[in-house]
Amino acid sequence: MRKQVRKEVVKTINTLVSHSTYCNKCGKERKSIIEDGGYDRCTDHEIHEFNCSFGYHSNYDGENWNFDLCEDCLKRDYSIV
């Protein structure tokens, strides 16, 4: 004889649903919402990530710089957008 026992199990999942990125120059916030499937949808100001690695014989030998800048700061201060 077999007896089956069924139990309802509720699983809690900790998942990222939103995050913010800030411009390192002016502090402007870019809010992103993580949608189903992991798609990152930006809700306002576009901010770009920069990574700089300095080689030998530079003033910053072996340093790595990582920073975020919004399009407004790029356009106003660096005239590249």
Protein backbone atom coordinates (compact mmCIF):
# COMPACT_ATOMS: atom_id res chain seq x y z
CA MET A 1 0.00 0.00 0.00
CA ARG A 2 1.17 3.51 -0.79
CA LYS A 3 0.15 6.68 0.86
CA GLN A 4 0.89 10.08 -0.66
CA VAL A 5 1.23 13.19 1.40
CA ARG A 6 1.12 16.55 -0.30
CA LYS A 7 2.37 19.71 1.30
CA GLU A 8 2.11 23.27 0.01
CA VAL A 9 5.53 24.91 -0.09
CA VAL A 10 5.95 28.66 -0.42
CA LYS A 11 9.35 29.70 -1.78
CA THR A 12 10.72 33.15 -1.12
CA ILE A 13 13.09 34.54 -3.73
CA ASN A 14 15.27 37.58 -3.12
CA THR A 15 15.68 39.30 -6.49
CA LEU A 16 16.82 42.71 -7.67
CA VAL A 17 13.87 44.74 -8.97
CA SER A 18 15.46 48.17 -9.35
CA HIS A 19 18.73 50.01 -8.90
CA SER A 20 20.07 53.54 -9.17
CA THR A 21 23.23 54.89 -10.76
CA TYR A 22 24.53 58.36 -9.96
CA CYS A 23 26.63 60.74 -12.05
CA ASN A 24 29.99 61.18 -10.30
CA LYS A 25 30.16 64.82 -11.43
CA CYS A 26 26.72 66.32 -10.70
CA GLY A 27 25.02 63.57 -8.65
CA LYS A 28 22.08 63.11 -11.04
CA GLU A 29 20.28 59.81 -10.48
CA ARG A 30 19.38 57.24 -13.12
CA LYS A 31 16.73 54.83 -11.95
CA SER A 32 16.47 51.43 -13.60
CA ILE A 33 13.77 48.84 -13.26
CA ILE A 34 14.65 45.19 -13.76
CA GLU A 35 11.81 43.58 -15.65
CA ASP A 36 11.01 39.90 -16.06
CA GLY A 37 13.77 38.18 -17.94
CA GLY A 38 16.45 40.51 -16.53
CA TYR A 39 15.83 43.39 -18.96
CA ASP A 40 17.12 46.68 -17.52
CA ARG A 41 14.74 49.54 -18.39
CA CYS A 42 16.01 53.04 -17.70
CA THR A 43 13.31 55.41 -16.46
CA ASP A 44 15.16 58.70 -16.91
CA HIS A 45 18.57 60.37 -17.51
CA GLU A 46 21.07 58.26 -19.39
CA ILE A 47 24.32 57.72 -17.49
CA HIS A 48 27.43 56.12 -18.99
CA GLU A 49 30.06 54.04 -17.24
CA PHE A 50 33.76 54.72 -17.89
CA ASN A 51 36.70 52.46 -17.02
CA CYS A 52 40.27 53.73 -17.38
CA SER A 53 43.39 51.63 -16.88
CA PHE A 54 46.73 53.41 -16.68
CA GLY A 55 49.87 51.71 -17.98
CA TYR A 56 53.50 51.95 -17.06
CA HIS A 57 55.31 55.28 -17.22
CA SER A 58 52.14 57.30 -16.62
CA ASN A 59 51.48 59.52 -13.61
CA TYR A 60 48.97 56.90 -12.41
CA ASP A 61 50.96 53.67 -12.94
CA GLY A 62 48.77 50.58 -12.56
CA GLU A 63 45.68 52.49 -11.36
CA ASN A 64 42.15 51.72 -12.57
CA TRP A 65 39.51 54.42 -12.49
CA ASN A 66 35.79 53.63 -12.77
CA PHE A 67 33.19 56.39 -12.85
CA ASP A 68 29.75 57.27 -14.23
CA LEU A 69 28.83 60.47 -16.09
CA CYS A 70 25.43 61.66 -17.29
CA GLU A 71 24.94 62.92 -20.84
CA ASP A 72 24.39 66.48 -19.61
CA CYS A 73 27.85 66.58 -17.97
CA LEU A 74 29.47 64.95 -20.98
CA LYS A 75 27.95 67.52 -23.31
CA ARG A 76 28.50 70.55 -21.08
CA ASP A 77 32.00 69.77 -19.78
CA TYR A 78 33.56 67.62 -22.47
CA SER A 79 31.69 68.54 -25.69
CA ILE A 80 31.62 64.94 -26.92
CA VAL A 81 27.91 64.10 -27.02
